[in-house]
Protein backbone atom coordinates (compact mmCIF):
# COMPACT_ATOMS: atom_id res chain seq x y z
CA MET A 1 -0.19 -0.22 0.22
CA VAL A 2 1.29 3.67 -0.92
CA ALA A 3 -0.04 6.72 1.33
CA ALA A 4 -1.50 9.83 -0.09
CA PRO A 5 1.32 11.95 -1.07
CA MET A 6 1.13 14.79 1.73
CA ARG A 7 -0.54 18.22 0.12
CA LYS A 8 0.55 21.97 1.88
CA ARG A 9 -2.56 23.39 3.94
CA GLN A 10 -2.92 27.62 4.98
CA ALA A 11 -1.88 27.53 8.42
CA HIS A 12 -4.85 27.83 11.06
CA TRP A 13 -7.09 26.06 8.95
CA LYS A 14 -9.63 24.28 11.14
CA ALA A 15 -10.02 28.71 11.69
CA ALA A 16 -12.09 28.65 8.93
CA ALA A 17 -15.15 25.78 10.26
CA PRO A 18 -18.26 27.30 11.23
CA SER A 19 -18.91 27.65 15.33
CA PRO A 20 -21.20 25.34 16.90
CA LEU A 21 -24.44 25.85 16.59
CA ALA A 22 -26.08 28.20 19.48
CA GLY A 23 -27.21 26.29 22.10
CA SER A 24 -25.26 23.27 21.13
CA GLN A 25 -23.17 21.33 23.36
CA THR A 26 -20.61 20.48 21.20
CA PHE A 27 -17.36 21.29 22.25
CA ALA A 28 -18.80 23.57 25.60
CA ALA A 29 -16.03 22.10 27.92
CA GLN A 30 -12.85 22.28 24.89
CA SER A 31 -11.85 25.58 26.73
CA SER A 32 -11.49 23.60 30.12
CA LEU A 33 -9.68 20.54 29.26
CA PRO A 34 -6.02 20.10 30.32
CA ALA A 35 -3.69 19.72 27.57
CA LEU A 36 -2.73 16.19 26.51
CA PRO A 37 0.39 15.30 27.87
CA VAL A 38 3.30 13.23 26.18
CA PRO A 39 3.26 9.86 27.75
CA ASN A 40 6.16 9.29 29.56
CA LEU A 41 8.61 7.14 27.55
CA LYS A 42 9.72 4.31 30.05
CA SER A 43 6.50 3.20 31.09
CA THR A 44 5.44 3.27 27.08
CA LEU A 45 7.50 0.96 26.41
CA ALA A 46 6.91 -1.37 29.26
CA GLU A 47 3.66 -1.35 28.21
CA LEU A 48 4.27 -1.83 24.65
CA LYS A 49 6.13 -5.47 25.95
CA GLU A 50 3.35 -6.29 27.86
CA THR A 51 0.97 -5.68 25.03
CA LEU A 52 3.32 -7.79 22.59
CA LYS A 53 3.41 -11.16 25.20
CA PRO A 54 0.56 -12.08 24.15
CA LEU A 55 0.92 -11.74 20.40
CA ALA A 56 4.35 -13.55 20.14
CA TRP A 57 4.56 -17.04 18.39
CA SER A 58 7.73 -17.91 21.15
CA GLU A 59 9.97 -16.94 23.56
CA ASP A 60 12.65 -16.79 20.94
CA GLU A 61 10.22 -14.27 19.26
CA TYR A 62 9.49 -11.97 22.40
CA ARG A 63 12.85 -11.93 23.88
CA SER A 64 13.87 -10.79 20.40
CA THR A 65 11.63 -7.85 20.20
CA THR A 66 12.06 -6.42 23.89
CA THR A 67 15.89 -6.65 23.42
CA LYS A 68 15.10 -4.31 19.74
CA ILE A 69 12.95 -2.07 22.02
CA ASP A 70 15.48 -1.80 24.82
CA ASP A 71 18.16 -1.05 21.95
CA PHE A 72 15.62 1.31 21.23
CA GLU A 73 14.87 2.83 24.86
CA ALA A 74 19.00 2.72 25.10
CA GLY A 75 19.63 4.76 21.27
CA LEU A 76 16.96 6.69 20.01
CA ALA A 77 14.31 6.79 22.01
CA PRO A 78 15.40 10.02 24.52
CA THR A 79 16.26 12.17 21.78
CA LEU A 80 12.65 11.63 20.12
CA GLN A 81 11.43 12.06 23.54
CA ASP A 82 12.67 15.13 24.12
CA ARG A 83 11.47 16.52 20.61
CA LEU A 84 8.20 15.59 21.46
CA VAL A 85 8.23 17.31 24.81
CA ALA A 86 9.30 20.25 23.11
CA ARG A 87 6.65 20.03 20.37
CA ALA A 88 4.37 20.05 23.18
CA LYS A 89 5.57 22.93 24.06
CA ASP A 90 5.77 24.75 21.05
CA ARG A 91 1.84 23.94 20.57
CA GLU A 92 -1.66 24.12 21.69
CA HIS A 93 -2.01 20.66 20.83
CA TRP A 94 1.75 18.66 19.86
CA LEU A 95 -0.77 15.53 18.15
CA GLU A 96 -3.19 16.77 16.75
CA GLU A 97 -1.77 17.69 13.25
CA TRP A 98 -0.36 14.54 12.84
CA TRP A 99 -3.98 13.21 14.23
CA ASP A 100 -5.91 14.61 11.50
CA ASP A 101 -3.20 14.50 8.65
CA LEU A 102 -2.62 10.51 9.38
CA GLY A 103 -6.11 9.53 10.32
CA TYR A 104 -8.20 11.44 8.87
CA LEU A 105 -6.93 13.47 5.75
CA THR A 106 -4.40 11.10 3.70
CA TYR A 107 -6.41 7.93 4.45
CA ARG A 108 -8.16 6.83 1.10
CA TYR A 109 -9.16 3.52 1.67
CA VAL A 110 -12.61 1.97 2.26
CA LEU A 111 -12.67 1.54 5.45
CA CYS A 112 -14.55 -1.48 7.47
CA LEU A 113 -18.32 -1.25 9.08
């Protein structure tokens, strides 16, 4: 599968969307919600290992996978985590752009019901 090409969109494109209908409860509590936190790296990787345990075909496969996760944690992971934390400080919603682009705007295949 090849992903659809990314298109450059205008900055603040969501501001062009119409406001919710008067009297609507849609987004009523939006301003009082806390910012989405950047997940803790150590606990995320530990949870990943636990999640993969029942999916492994064998103990060897599981050990191999956890070794790769440990290598990632000792290598590139802290740098990427620091970049995520910096992104969260730089933006109101650190995940929103990726979520919109990758979750909604670039996936063009038929969805299963």
